[in-house]
């Protein structure tokens, strides 16, 4: 244990290419800044810039977290997709409060979002599911997510048949979820190992913007 502790302490922090972050010039709406940071990450070739951690909790407060993909960003918030029958779907039905984290190591940037998740309109769910690769669609309907795999070969074969025979098939429990932000924090590392943090908090229909201590 002591050796592991020493190894962890000896690890070097990543050496990203820090970006300029002028908090005084930040826009009034955090969605605008998020779009700008995301576009910068994509343009810079950041590995999986759309990967994000979704944290949820059950009605009794039991926490859970997993990495999934950001599907869209609109003026209303951030979008992801999942089965409503999955653990995350069931937890969000019990407790819609959730948090998202995106980390762009190459640029020394992190964005944290806390808000309320809600299922989007059916057309958004349909569009998202049909945009998935046929194998991904079959995998989504073959079995109950996070449950033990039983007769996996037969289940996948049946699911592939459904997808192949009806290209417009979308399961009723597939949802595109919208996370409406209540708080958004932008974190930027600097060359001298300092940190810049800018937090937006929603107050009625406006955003309160503050630079906060690391």
N, C-alpha and C. Protein backbone atom coordinates (compact mmCIF):
# COMPACT_ATOMS: atom_id res chain seq x y z
N UNK A 1 0.83 -1.21 0.00
CA UNK A 1 0.00 0.00 0.00
C UNK A 1 0.86 1.26 0.00
N UNK A 2 1.92 1.26 0.85
CA UNK A 2 2.81 2.42 0.90
C UNK A 2 3.49 2.63 -0.43
N UNK A 3 3.90 1.51 -1.09
CA UNK A 3 4.55 1.63 -2.39
C UNK A 3 3.60 2.23 -3.42
N UNK A 4 2.34 1.80 -3.39
CA UNK A 4 1.37 2.32 -4.33
C UNK A 4 1.13 3.81 -4.08
N UNK A 5 1.04 4.18 -2.79
CA UNK A 5 0.85 5.58 -2.46
C UNK A 5 2.02 6.42 -2.99
N UNK A 6 3.22 5.92 -2.82
CA UNK A 6 4.39 6.65 -3.31
C UNK A 6 4.39 6.75 -4.83
N UNK A 7 3.98 5.68 -5.50
CA UNK A 7 3.91 5.70 -6.96
C UNK A 7 2.90 6.73 -7.44
N UNK A 8 1.77 6.78 -6.76
CA UNK A 8 0.74 7.74 -7.17
C UNK A 8 1.21 9.18 -6.97
N UNK A 9 1.89 9.43 -5.86
CA UNK A 9 2.37 10.79 -5.59
C UNK A 9 3.48 11.19 -6.57
N UNK A 10 4.20 10.19 -7.08
CA UNK A 10 5.31 10.49 -8.00
C UNK A 10 4.84 10.71 -9.43
N UNK A 11 3.61 10.37 -9.72
CA UNK A 11 3.11 10.54 -11.09
C UNK A 11 3.10 12.01 -11.47
N UNK A 12 3.50 12.28 -12.68
CA UNK A 12 3.51 13.65 -13.16
C UNK A 12 2.12 14.06 -13.65
N UNK A 13 1.80 15.28 -13.40
CA UNK A 13 0.54 15.82 -13.93
C UNK A 13 0.66 15.94 -15.45
N UNK A 14 -0.45 15.84 -16.17
CA UNK A 14 -0.38 15.98 -17.63
C UNK A 14 0.14 17.35 -18.01
N UNK A 15 0.78 17.41 -19.16
CA UNK A 15 1.32 18.68 -19.66
C UNK A 15 0.54 19.09 -20.89
N UNK A 16 -0.62 19.69 -20.69
CA UNK A 16 -1.46 20.05 -21.82
C UNK A 16 -0.96 21.31 -22.51
N UNK A 17 -1.66 21.67 -23.56
CA UNK A 17 -1.41 22.92 -24.26
C UNK A 17 -2.47 23.90 -23.76
N UNK A 18 -2.18 24.64 -22.67
CA UNK A 18 -3.21 25.48 -22.07
C UNK A 18 -3.74 26.52 -23.06
N UNK A 19 -5.03 26.72 -23.00
CA UNK A 19 -5.68 27.69 -23.87
C UNK A 19 -5.88 29.01 -23.13
N UNK A 20 -6.01 30.06 -23.89
CA UNK A 20 -6.30 31.36 -23.30
C UNK A 20 -7.73 31.37 -22.77
N UNK A 21 -7.89 31.86 -21.56
CA UNK A 21 -9.22 31.93 -20.96
C UNK A 21 -9.37 33.29 -20.28
N UNK A 22 -9.95 34.22 -21.01
CA UNK A 22 -10.20 35.56 -20.49
C UNK A 22 -11.60 35.55 -19.90
N UNK A 23 -11.70 35.40 -18.60
CA UNK A 23 -13.02 35.31 -17.96
C UNK A 23 -13.83 36.59 -18.12
N UNK A 24 -13.16 37.73 -18.23
CA UNK A 24 -13.88 38.99 -18.40
C UNK A 24 -14.60 39.05 -19.75
N UNK A 25 -14.07 38.30 -20.71
CA UNK A 25 -14.67 38.32 -22.05
C UNK A 25 -15.67 37.17 -22.26
N UNK A 26 -15.90 36.39 -21.22
CA UNK A 26 -16.82 35.25 -21.34
C UNK A 26 -18.23 35.74 -21.62
N UNK A 27 -18.97 35.01 -22.46
CA UNK A 27 -20.34 35.43 -22.79
C UNK A 27 -21.28 35.31 -21.59
N UNK A 28 -22.43 35.94 -21.70
CA UNK A 28 -23.40 35.93 -20.61
C UNK A 28 -24.05 34.57 -20.43
N UNK A 29 -24.13 33.79 -21.51
CA UNK A 29 -24.78 32.48 -21.47
C UNK A 29 -23.72 31.39 -21.52
N UNK A 30 -23.71 30.46 -20.55
CA UNK A 30 -22.69 29.42 -20.55
C UNK A 30 -22.77 28.47 -21.75
N UNK A 31 -23.95 28.33 -22.34
CA UNK A 31 -24.07 27.46 -23.52
C UNK A 31 -23.22 28.00 -24.66
N UNK A 32 -23.16 29.31 -24.80
CA UNK A 32 -22.33 29.90 -25.85
C UNK A 32 -20.86 29.60 -25.61
N UNK A 33 -20.42 29.69 -24.36
CA UNK A 33 -19.03 29.38 -24.04
C UNK A 33 -18.76 27.89 -24.21
N UNK A 34 -19.71 27.06 -23.83
CA UNK A 34 -19.53 25.62 -23.99
C UNK A 34 -19.37 25.27 -25.47
N UNK A 35 -20.19 25.85 -26.32
CA UNK A 35 -20.08 25.57 -27.75
C UNK A 35 -18.70 25.98 -28.26
N UNK A 36 -18.20 27.12 -27.80
CA UNK A 36 -16.90 27.60 -28.25
C UNK A 36 -15.78 26.66 -27.79
N UNK A 37 -15.86 26.21 -26.54
CA UNK A 37 -14.84 25.29 -26.03
C UNK A 37 -14.91 23.94 -26.75
N UNK A 38 -16.11 23.45 -26.99
CA UNK A 38 -16.26 22.18 -27.69
C UNK A 38 -15.72 22.29 -29.11
N UNK A 39 -16.03 23.38 -29.80
CA UNK A 39 -15.53 23.57 -31.15
C UNK A 39 -14.00 23.62 -31.16
N UNK A 40 -13.42 24.27 -30.15
CA UNK A 40 -11.96 24.34 -30.03
C UNK A 40 -11.37 22.95 -29.82
N UNK A 41 -12.01 22.15 -28.98
CA UNK A 41 -11.52 20.80 -28.72
C UNK A 41 -11.56 19.94 -29.98
N UNK A 42 -12.65 20.06 -30.72
CA UNK A 42 -12.79 19.29 -31.97
C UNK A 42 -11.73 19.72 -32.97
N UNK A 43 -11.57 21.03 -33.14
CA UNK A 43 -10.60 21.56 -34.10
C UNK A 43 -9.18 21.16 -33.74
N UNK A 44 -8.90 21.04 -32.44
CA UNK A 44 -7.54 20.71 -31.99
C UNK A 44 -7.27 19.21 -32.02
N UNK A 45 -8.27 18.41 -32.37
CA UNK A 45 -8.07 16.97 -32.44
C UNK A 45 -8.04 16.29 -31.08
N UNK A 46 -8.71 16.88 -30.10
CA UNK A 46 -8.80 16.25 -28.77
C UNK A 46 -9.45 14.88 -28.91
N UNK A 47 -8.90 13.89 -28.23
CA UNK A 47 -9.42 12.54 -28.30
C UNK A 47 -10.79 12.46 -27.64
N UNK A 48 -11.79 12.04 -28.39
CA UNK A 48 -13.17 11.89 -27.92
C UNK A 48 -13.66 13.12 -27.15
N UNK A 49 -13.74 14.26 -27.79
CA UNK A 49 -14.18 15.47 -27.10
C UNK A 49 -15.64 15.41 -26.66
N UNK A 50 -16.39 14.45 -27.20
CA UNK A 50 -17.81 14.32 -26.84
C UNK A 50 -18.04 13.31 -25.73
N UNK A 51 -16.98 12.71 -25.19
CA UNK A 51 -17.15 11.78 -24.08
C UNK A 51 -17.39 12.55 -22.79
N UNK A 52 -18.37 12.13 -22.02
CA UNK A 52 -18.67 12.83 -20.77
C UNK A 52 -19.17 11.84 -19.72
N UNK A 53 -18.93 12.18 -18.48
CA UNK A 53 -19.40 11.36 -17.37
C UNK A 53 -20.77 11.88 -16.93
N UNK A 54 -21.72 10.97 -16.85
CA UNK A 54 -23.06 11.30 -16.33
C UNK A 54 -23.19 10.70 -14.94
N UNK A 55 -23.43 11.54 -13.96
CA UNK A 55 -23.65 11.08 -12.59
C UNK A 55 -25.12 11.23 -12.24
N UNK A 56 -25.68 10.17 -11.69
CA UNK A 56 -27.08 10.16 -11.27
C UNK A 56 -27.17 9.63 -9.85
N UNK A 57 -28.36 9.67 -9.29
CA UNK A 57 -28.60 9.10 -7.97
C UNK A 57 -30.02 8.58 -7.92
N UNK A 58 -30.20 7.51 -7.19
CA UNK A 58 -31.54 6.94 -7.04
C UNK A 58 -32.35 7.78 -6.06
N UNK A 59 -33.58 7.40 -5.87
CA UNK A 59 -34.45 8.15 -4.96
C UNK A 59 -33.91 8.16 -3.54
N UNK A 60 -33.19 7.08 -3.15
CA UNK A 60 -32.65 7.03 -1.79
C UNK A 60 -31.24 7.62 -1.69
N UNK A 61 -30.77 8.21 -2.81
CA UNK A 61 -29.48 8.90 -2.78
C UNK A 61 -28.29 8.06 -3.16
N UNK A 62 -28.48 6.81 -3.57
CA UNK A 62 -27.36 5.98 -3.99
C UNK A 62 -26.78 6.51 -5.29
N UNK A 63 -25.49 6.88 -5.32
CA UNK A 63 -24.92 7.49 -6.51
C UNK A 63 -24.49 6.46 -7.56
N UNK A 64 -24.38 6.93 -8.79
CA UNK A 64 -23.93 6.10 -9.90
C UNK A 64 -23.32 7.02 -10.94
N UNK A 65 -22.34 6.52 -11.68
CA UNK A 65 -21.71 7.34 -12.72
C UNK A 65 -21.20 6.44 -13.82
N UNK A 66 -21.21 6.99 -15.05
CA UNK A 66 -20.72 6.25 -16.20
C UNK A 66 -20.36 7.25 -17.29
N UNK A 67 -19.50 6.80 -18.22
CA UNK A 67 -19.11 7.64 -19.34
C UNK A 67 -19.98 7.30 -20.54
N UNK A 68 -20.52 8.33 -21.17
CA UNK A 68 -21.31 8.15 -22.39
C UNK A 68 -20.98 9.30 -23.34
N UNK A 69 -21.75 9.44 -24.41
CA UNK A 69 -21.43 10.43 -25.43
C UNK A 69 -22.43 11.57 -25.47
N UNK A 70 -21.91 12.77 -25.60
CA UNK A 70 -22.74 13.95 -25.84
C UNK A 70 -23.30 13.85 -27.25
N UNK A 71 -24.60 14.03 -27.40
CA UNK A 71 -25.23 13.87 -28.71
C UNK A 71 -25.57 15.19 -29.38
N UNK A 72 -25.79 16.24 -28.57
CA UNK A 72 -26.15 17.53 -29.18
C UNK A 72 -26.05 18.61 -28.10
N UNK A 73 -25.95 19.85 -28.56
CA UNK A 73 -25.99 21.01 -27.67
C UNK A 73 -26.95 22.00 -28.29
N UNK A 74 -27.98 22.36 -27.56
CA UNK A 74 -28.94 23.35 -28.03
C UNK A 74 -29.00 24.49 -27.02
N UNK A 75 -29.78 25.49 -27.33
CA UNK A 75 -29.91 26.60 -26.38
C UNK A 75 -30.49 26.14 -25.05
N UNK A 76 -31.22 25.01 -25.06
CA UNK A 76 -31.84 24.51 -23.83
C UNK A 76 -30.85 23.76 -22.95
N UNK A 77 -29.84 23.14 -23.55
CA UNK A 77 -28.90 22.38 -22.75
C UNK A 77 -28.17 21.32 -23.54
N UNK A 78 -27.69 20.28 -22.83
CA UNK A 78 -26.90 19.21 -23.41
C UNK A 78 -27.74 17.94 -23.52
N UNK A 79 -27.45 17.13 -24.56
CA UNK A 79 -28.27 15.96 -24.85
C UNK A 79 -27.43 14.68 -24.84
N UNK A 80 -28.05 13.61 -24.35
CA UNK A 80 -27.50 12.27 -24.48
C UNK A 80 -28.68 11.33 -24.72
N UNK A 81 -28.40 10.07 -25.02
CA UNK A 81 -29.48 9.14 -25.32
C UNK A 81 -29.28 7.83 -24.57
N UNK A 82 -30.38 7.19 -24.21
CA UNK A 82 -30.32 5.91 -23.50
C UNK A 82 -31.71 5.29 -23.45
N UNK A 83 -31.75 4.05 -23.04
CA UNK A 83 -33.02 3.39 -22.78
C UNK A 83 -33.57 3.87 -21.44
N UNK A 84 -34.84 4.13 -21.39
CA UNK A 84 -35.46 4.55 -20.12
C UNK A 84 -35.50 3.40 -19.12
N UNK A 85 -35.31 2.17 -19.62
CA UNK A 85 -35.32 0.99 -18.76
C UNK A 85 -33.92 0.67 -18.22
N UNK A 86 -32.91 1.42 -18.64
CA UNK A 86 -31.55 1.20 -18.16
C UNK A 86 -31.43 1.73 -16.73
N UNK A 87 -30.35 1.38 -16.02
CA UNK A 87 -30.18 1.93 -14.68
C UNK A 87 -30.24 3.45 -14.65
N UNK A 88 -29.57 4.11 -15.61
CA UNK A 88 -29.58 5.57 -15.61
C UNK A 88 -30.99 6.10 -15.89
N UNK A 89 -31.71 5.42 -16.80
CA UNK A 89 -33.07 5.85 -17.11
C UNK A 89 -33.99 5.71 -15.90
N UNK A 90 -33.86 4.62 -15.18
CA UNK A 90 -34.70 4.41 -14.00
C UNK A 90 -34.35 5.41 -12.90
N UNK A 91 -33.05 5.67 -12.73
CA UNK A 91 -32.64 6.63 -11.71
C UNK A 91 -33.12 8.03 -12.04
N UNK A 92 -33.06 8.41 -13.31
CA UNK A 92 -33.52 9.75 -13.69
C UNK A 92 -35.03 9.88 -13.55
N UNK A 93 -35.75 8.78 -13.71
CA UNK A 93 -37.20 8.83 -13.50
C UNK A 93 -37.51 9.05 -12.02
N UNK A 94 -36.67 8.48 -11.14
CA UNK A 94 -36.87 8.66 -9.69
C UNK A 94 -36.35 10.01 -9.21
N UNK A 95 -35.23 10.43 -9.79
CA UNK A 95 -34.54 11.65 -9.35
C UNK A 95 -33.88 12.30 -10.56
N UNK A 96 -34.52 13.30 -11.17
CA UNK A 96 -34.01 13.87 -12.42
C UNK A 96 -32.77 14.75 -12.27
N UNK A 97 -32.35 15.00 -11.03
CA UNK A 97 -31.13 15.80 -10.85
C UNK A 97 -29.91 14.97 -11.23
N UNK A 98 -29.00 15.58 -11.99
CA UNK A 98 -27.83 14.85 -12.46
C UNK A 98 -26.68 15.82 -12.67
N UNK A 99 -25.51 15.26 -12.98
CA UNK A 99 -24.32 16.08 -13.25
C UNK A 99 -23.57 15.48 -14.42
N UNK A 100 -22.93 16.34 -15.19
CA UNK A 100 -22.12 15.94 -16.33
C UNK A 100 -20.71 16.51 -16.16
N UNK A 101 -19.71 15.76 -16.61
CA UNK A 101 -18.33 16.25 -16.61
C UNK A 101 -17.68 15.90 -17.93
N UNK A 102 -17.09 16.89 -18.58
CA UNK A 102 -16.29 16.68 -19.79
C UNK A 102 -14.87 17.14 -19.49
N UNK A 103 -13.89 16.32 -19.85
CA UNK A 103 -12.49 16.62 -19.57
C UNK A 103 -11.69 16.51 -20.85
N UNK A 104 -11.07 17.63 -21.25
CA UNK A 104 -10.25 17.67 -22.45
C UNK A 104 -8.79 17.82 -22.02
N UNK A 105 -8.16 16.67 -21.78
CA UNK A 105 -6.81 16.63 -21.20
C UNK A 105 -5.81 17.41 -22.05
N UNK A 106 -5.93 17.26 -23.38
CA UNK A 106 -4.95 17.89 -24.26
C UNK A 106 -4.94 19.41 -24.13
N UNK A 107 -6.05 19.98 -23.74
CA UNK A 107 -6.14 21.44 -23.61
C UNK A 107 -6.19 21.90 -22.16
N UNK A 108 -6.12 20.95 -21.22
CA UNK A 108 -6.18 21.31 -19.81
C UNK A 108 -7.49 21.96 -19.44
N UNK A 109 -8.58 21.40 -19.97
CA UNK A 109 -9.90 22.00 -19.74
C UNK A 109 -10.89 20.97 -19.20
N UNK A 110 -11.79 21.46 -18.38
CA UNK A 110 -12.87 20.64 -17.85
C UNK A 110 -14.13 21.49 -17.75
N UNK A 111 -15.26 20.86 -18.04
CA UNK A 111 -16.55 21.53 -17.89
C UNK A 111 -17.43 20.64 -17.01
N UNK A 112 -18.02 21.25 -16.00
CA UNK A 112 -18.93 20.53 -15.09
C UNK A 112 -20.32 21.17 -15.21
N UNK A 113 -21.32 20.32 -15.37
CA UNK A 113 -22.70 20.78 -15.52
C UNK A 113 -23.57 20.07 -14.50
N UNK A 114 -24.39 20.82 -13.79
CA UNK A 114 -25.38 20.24 -12.89
C UNK A 114 -26.75 20.76 -13.31
N UNK A 115 -27.72 19.86 -13.36
CA UNK A 115 -29.04 20.31 -13.79
C UNK A 115 -30.09 19.23 -13.68
N UNK A 116 -31.15 19.40 -14.45
CA UNK A 116 -32.30 18.51 -14.44
C UNK A 116 -32.40 17.83 -15.81
N UNK A 117 -32.51 16.50 -15.80
CA UNK A 117 -32.65 15.75 -17.05
C UNK A 117 -34.12 15.43 -17.31
N UNK A 118 -34.49 15.52 -18.57
CA UNK A 118 -35.87 15.19 -18.96
C UNK A 118 -35.86 14.55 -20.35
N UNK A 119 -36.77 13.62 -20.61
CA UNK A 119 -36.86 13.05 -21.96
C UNK A 119 -37.26 14.13 -22.96
N UNK A 120 -36.60 14.13 -24.10
CA UNK A 120 -36.94 15.08 -25.14
C UNK A 120 -38.12 14.59 -25.96
N UNK A 121 -38.50 15.31 -27.00
CA UNK A 121 -39.62 14.89 -27.85
C UNK A 121 -39.31 13.58 -28.58
N UNK A 122 -40.34 12.86 -28.92
CA UNK A 122 -40.17 11.55 -29.56
C UNK A 122 -39.34 11.65 -30.84
N UNK A 123 -39.54 12.70 -31.61
CA UNK A 123 -38.81 12.81 -32.87
C UNK A 123 -37.30 12.88 -32.64
N UNK A 124 -36.89 13.47 -31.53
CA UNK A 124 -35.45 13.53 -31.22
C UNK A 124 -34.93 12.14 -30.90
N UNK A 125 -35.71 11.35 -30.19
CA UNK A 125 -35.31 9.99 -29.85
C UNK A 125 -35.22 9.12 -31.11
N UNK A 126 -36.19 9.26 -31.98
CA UNK A 126 -36.21 8.50 -33.24
C UNK A 126 -34.99 8.86 -34.08
N UNK A 127 -34.74 10.14 -34.22
CA UNK A 127 -33.60 10.59 -35.03
C UNK A 127 -32.29 10.06 -34.48
N UNK A 128 -32.15 10.09 -33.16
CA UNK A 128 -30.91 9.60 -32.56
C UNK A 128 -30.73 8.10 -32.78
N UNK A 129 -31.78 7.33 -32.54
CA UNK A 129 -31.64 5.87 -32.65
C UNK A 129 -31.34 5.44 -34.08
N UNK A 130 -32.02 6.04 -35.04
CA UNK A 130 -31.83 5.64 -36.44
C UNK A 130 -30.47 6.09 -36.98
N UNK A 131 -29.83 7.04 -36.31
CA UNK A 131 -28.49 7.47 -36.73
C UNK A 131 -27.41 6.51 -36.24
N UNK A 132 -27.76 5.60 -35.33
CA UNK A 132 -26.80 4.63 -34.82
C UNK A 132 -26.51 3.54 -35.85
N UNK A 133 -25.33 2.95 -35.75
CA UNK A 133 -24.97 1.83 -36.62
C UNK A 133 -25.95 0.68 -36.37
N UNK A 134 -26.32 -0.10 -37.39
CA UNK A 134 -27.26 -1.21 -37.17
C UNK A 134 -26.83 -2.16 -36.06
N UNK A 135 -25.52 -2.39 -35.92
CA UNK A 135 -25.05 -3.27 -34.84
C UNK A 135 -25.33 -2.66 -33.47
N UNK A 136 -25.18 -1.32 -33.38
CA UNK A 136 -25.45 -0.64 -32.12
C UNK A 136 -26.94 -0.66 -31.81
N UNK A 137 -27.77 -0.54 -32.85
CA UNK A 137 -29.21 -0.62 -32.64
C UNK A 137 -29.61 -2.00 -32.15
N UNK A 138 -29.03 -3.03 -32.76
CA UNK A 138 -29.35 -4.40 -32.34
C UNK A 138 -28.89 -4.64 -30.90
N UNK A 139 -27.71 -4.13 -30.56
CA UNK A 139 -27.21 -4.31 -29.21
C UNK A 139 -28.09 -3.64 -28.17
N UNK A 140 -28.70 -2.52 -28.55
CA UNK A 140 -29.54 -1.77 -27.61
C UNK A 140 -30.83 -2.50 -27.29
N UNK A 141 -31.32 -3.33 -28.22
CA UNK A 141 -32.62 -3.98 -28.01
C UNK A 141 -32.49 -5.47 -27.71
N UNK A 142 -31.26 -6.00 -27.74
CA UNK A 142 -31.09 -7.44 -27.58
C UNK A 142 -31.40 -7.93 -26.16
N UNK A 143 -31.05 -7.12 -25.16
CA UNK A 143 -31.27 -7.55 -23.78
C UNK A 143 -31.40 -6.36 -22.86
N UNK A 144 -31.76 -6.63 -21.62
CA UNK A 144 -31.92 -5.56 -20.63
C UNK A 144 -30.55 -5.03 -20.22
N UNK A 145 -30.33 -3.74 -20.41
CA UNK A 145 -29.02 -3.15 -20.12
C UNK A 145 -28.60 -3.38 -18.68
N UNK A 146 -27.34 -3.78 -18.51
CA UNK A 146 -26.70 -4.01 -17.21
C UNK A 146 -27.17 -5.27 -16.52
N UNK A 147 -28.04 -6.04 -17.16
CA UNK A 147 -28.48 -7.32 -16.59
C UNK A 147 -27.58 -8.45 -17.12
N UNK A 148 -27.50 -9.58 -16.42
CA UNK A 148 -26.66 -10.70 -16.89
C UNK A 148 -27.04 -11.13 -18.30
N UNK A 149 -26.02 -11.48 -19.09
CA UNK A 149 -26.26 -11.94 -20.46
C UNK A 149 -26.67 -13.41 -20.44
N UNK A 150 -27.86 -13.68 -20.97
CA UNK A 150 -28.39 -15.05 -21.06
C UNK A 150 -28.75 -15.31 -22.51
N UNK A 151 -28.26 -16.43 -23.07
CA UNK A 151 -28.53 -16.77 -24.48
C UNK A 151 -28.20 -15.58 -25.38
N UNK A 152 -27.00 -15.02 -25.18
CA UNK A 152 -26.62 -13.81 -25.89
C UNK A 152 -26.64 -13.97 -27.40
N UNK A 153 -26.15 -15.10 -27.91
CA UNK A 153 -26.10 -15.31 -29.36
C UNK A 153 -27.49 -15.26 -29.97
N UNK A 154 -28.43 -15.97 -29.35
CA UNK A 154 -29.80 -16.01 -29.86
C UNK A 154 -30.46 -14.64 -29.75
N UNK A 155 -30.22 -13.94 -28.63
CA UNK A 155 -30.83 -12.63 -28.43
C UNK A 155 -30.31 -11.62 -29.46
N UNK A 156 -29.01 -11.65 -29.71
CA UNK A 156 -28.44 -10.72 -30.70
C UNK A 156 -28.92 -11.06 -32.11
N UNK A 157 -29.03 -12.34 -32.41
CA UNK A 157 -29.52 -12.73 -33.74
C UNK A 157 -30.94 -12.24 -33.95
N UNK A 158 -31.78 -12.38 -32.94
CA UNK A 158 -33.16 -11.91 -33.05
C UNK A 158 -33.22 -10.40 -33.19
N UNK A 159 -32.37 -9.70 -32.45
CA UNK A 159 -32.35 -8.25 -32.54
C UNK A 159 -31.86 -7.78 -33.91
N UNK A 160 -30.85 -8.45 -34.43
CA UNK A 160 -30.36 -8.09 -35.77
C UNK A 160 -31.44 -8.31 -36.82
N UNK A 161 -32.24 -9.35 -36.65
CA UNK A 161 -33.34 -9.61 -37.58
C UNK A 161 -34.37 -8.49 -37.53
N UNK A 162 -34.68 -8.02 -36.34
CA UNK A 162 -35.64 -6.92 -36.19
C UNK A 162 -35.13 -5.68 -36.91
N UNK A 163 -33.87 -5.36 -36.69
CA UNK A 163 -33.29 -4.16 -37.30
C UNK A 163 -33.23 -4.28 -38.82
N UNK A 164 -32.85 -5.46 -39.32
CA UNK A 164 -32.73 -5.66 -40.76
C UNK A 164 -34.09 -5.67 -41.45
N UNK A 165 -35.11 -6.18 -40.78
CA UNK A 165 -36.43 -6.30 -41.41
C UNK A 165 -37.24 -5.01 -41.33
N UNK A 166 -36.88 -4.12 -40.44
CA UNK A 166 -37.61 -2.85 -40.30
C UNK A 166 -36.61 -1.74 -39.98
N UNK A 167 -36.13 -1.07 -41.02
CA UNK A 167 -35.11 -0.05 -40.86
C UNK A 167 -35.61 1.16 -40.07
N UNK A 168 -36.91 1.30 -39.90
CA UNK A 168 -37.46 2.43 -39.16
C UNK A 168 -37.81 2.07 -37.72
N UNK A 169 -37.47 0.85 -37.31
CA UNK A 169 -37.85 0.42 -35.96
C UNK A 169 -37.06 1.19 -34.90
N UNK A 170 -37.80 1.73 -33.93
CA UNK A 170 -37.20 2.41 -32.78
C UNK A 170 -37.95 1.95 -31.53
N UNK A 171 -37.26 1.39 -30.54
CA UNK A 171 -37.97 0.92 -29.34
C UNK A 171 -38.62 2.09 -28.61
N UNK A 172 -39.77 1.84 -28.03
CA UNK A 172 -40.52 2.89 -27.35
C UNK A 172 -39.77 3.45 -26.16
N UNK A 173 -38.88 2.65 -25.57
CA UNK A 173 -38.17 3.12 -24.38
C UNK A 173 -36.82 3.75 -24.68
N UNK A 174 -36.54 4.02 -25.97
CA UNK A 174 -35.32 4.76 -26.32
C UNK A 174 -35.61 6.26 -26.22
N UNK A 175 -34.81 6.96 -25.43
CA UNK A 175 -35.06 8.39 -25.21
C UNK A 175 -33.80 9.22 -25.48
N UNK A 176 -34.02 10.34 -26.11
CA UNK A 176 -33.00 11.40 -26.13
C UNK A 176 -33.29 12.27 -24.92
N UNK A 177 -32.33 12.39 -24.02
CA UNK A 177 -32.51 13.15 -22.79
C UNK A 177 -31.86 14.53 -22.91
N UNK A 178 -32.57 15.53 -22.41
CA UNK A 178 -32.06 16.89 -22.35
C UNK A 178 -31.71 17.21 -20.90
N UNK A 179 -30.47 17.66 -20.69
CA UNK A 179 -30.07 18.14 -19.37
C UNK A 179 -30.13 19.66 -19.39
N UNK A 180 -31.07 20.21 -18.64
CA UNK A 180 -31.21 21.66 -18.53
C UNK A 180 -30.29 22.15 -17.41
N UNK A 181 -29.25 22.91 -17.73
CA UNK A 181 -28.26 23.28 -16.71
C UNK A 181 -28.82 24.26 -15.68
N UNK A 182 -28.42 24.05 -14.45
CA UNK A 182 -28.66 25.02 -13.38
C UNK A 182 -27.34 25.63 -12.93
N UNK A 183 -26.25 24.90 -13.19
CA UNK A 183 -24.91 25.39 -12.87
C UNK A 183 -23.95 24.84 -13.91
N UNK A 184 -23.04 25.69 -14.40
CA UNK A 184 -22.02 25.27 -15.36
C UNK A 184 -20.70 25.88 -14.93
N UNK A 185 -19.68 25.03 -14.78
CA UNK A 185 -18.36 25.53 -14.38
C UNK A 185 -17.32 25.19 -15.45
N UNK A 186 -16.54 26.20 -15.81
CA UNK A 186 -15.45 26.03 -16.78
C UNK A 186 -14.12 26.11 -16.03
N UNK A 187 -13.29 25.09 -16.22
CA UNK A 187 -12.01 24.98 -15.51
C UNK A 187 -10.89 24.96 -16.54
N UNK A 188 -9.90 25.81 -16.34
CA UNK A 188 -8.77 25.90 -17.27
C UNK A 188 -7.46 25.86 -16.49
N UNK A 189 -6.56 24.94 -16.88
CA UNK A 189 -5.22 24.92 -16.30
C UNK A 189 -4.38 26.02 -16.95
N UNK A 190 -3.27 26.36 -16.30
CA UNK A 190 -2.37 27.39 -16.83
C UNK A 190 -0.95 26.85 -16.84
N UNK A 191 -0.04 27.48 -17.60
CA UNK A 191 1.34 26.98 -17.68
C UNK A 191 2.05 26.92 -16.33
N UNK A 192 1.68 27.76 -15.38
CA UNK A 192 2.35 27.77 -14.08
C UNK A 192 1.62 26.90 -13.06
N UNK A 193 0.83 25.94 -13.56
CA UNK A 193 0.13 24.96 -12.71
C UNK A 193 -0.94 25.60 -11.82
N UNK A 194 -1.39 26.77 -12.19
CA UNK A 194 -2.53 27.37 -11.50
C UNK A 194 -3.82 26.92 -12.19
N UNK A 195 -4.94 27.38 -11.69
CA UNK A 195 -6.22 27.02 -12.27
C UNK A 195 -7.10 28.26 -12.35
N UNK A 196 -7.89 28.31 -13.41
CA UNK A 196 -8.89 29.37 -13.56
C UNK A 196 -10.25 28.69 -13.61
N UNK A 197 -11.15 29.13 -12.73
CA UNK A 197 -12.48 28.54 -12.67
C UNK A 197 -13.54 29.64 -12.80
N UNK A 198 -14.45 29.44 -13.74
CA UNK A 198 -15.55 30.36 -13.93
C UNK A 198 -16.85 29.58 -13.80
N UNK A 199 -17.69 30.02 -12.87
CA UNK A 199 -18.94 29.31 -12.61
C UNK A 199 -20.14 30.18 -12.94
N UNK A 200 -21.08 29.58 -13.66
CA UNK A 200 -22.37 30.20 -13.96
C UNK A 200 -23.43 29.51 -13.12
N UNK A 201 -24.29 30.29 -12.51
CA UNK A 201 -25.44 29.74 -11.79
C UNK A 201 -26.71 30.43 -12.28
N UNK A 202 -27.72 29.60 -12.55
CA UNK A 202 -28.97 30.17 -13.05
C UNK A 202 -29.74 30.82 -11.90
N UNK A 203 -30.21 32.03 -12.14
CA UNK A 203 -31.05 32.74 -11.19
C UNK A 203 -32.26 33.25 -11.96
N UNK A 204 -33.37 32.54 -11.80
CA UNK A 204 -34.58 32.81 -12.58
C UNK A 204 -34.27 32.64 -14.05
N UNK A 205 -34.39 33.68 -14.85
CA UNK A 205 -34.13 33.56 -16.28
C UNK A 205 -32.74 34.07 -16.66
N UNK A 206 -31.92 34.41 -15.68
CA UNK A 206 -30.59 34.96 -15.95
C UNK A 206 -29.51 34.04 -15.39
N UNK A 207 -28.26 34.34 -15.76
CA UNK A 207 -27.11 33.61 -15.27
C UNK A 207 -26.22 34.53 -14.45
N UNK A 208 -25.88 34.07 -13.25
CA UNK A 208 -24.90 34.78 -12.41
C UNK A 208 -23.55 34.18 -12.68
N UNK A 209 -22.57 34.99 -13.05
CA UNK A 209 -21.25 34.52 -13.45
C UNK A 209 -20.20 34.99 -12.44
N UNK A 210 -19.40 34.03 -11.91
CA UNK A 210 -18.38 34.37 -10.93
C UNK A 210 -17.11 33.58 -11.15
N UNK A 211 -15.96 34.23 -10.98
CA UNK A 211 -14.68 33.54 -10.93
C UNK A 211 -14.52 33.01 -9.49
N UNK A 212 -14.17 31.73 -9.37
CA UNK A 212 -14.11 31.11 -8.04
C UNK A 212 -12.71 30.58 -7.77
N UNK A 213 -12.41 30.38 -6.49
CA UNK A 213 -11.09 29.87 -6.07
C UNK A 213 -10.90 28.44 -6.54
N UNK A 214 -9.66 28.05 -6.85
CA UNK A 214 -9.38 26.66 -7.23
C UNK A 214 -9.73 25.71 -6.08
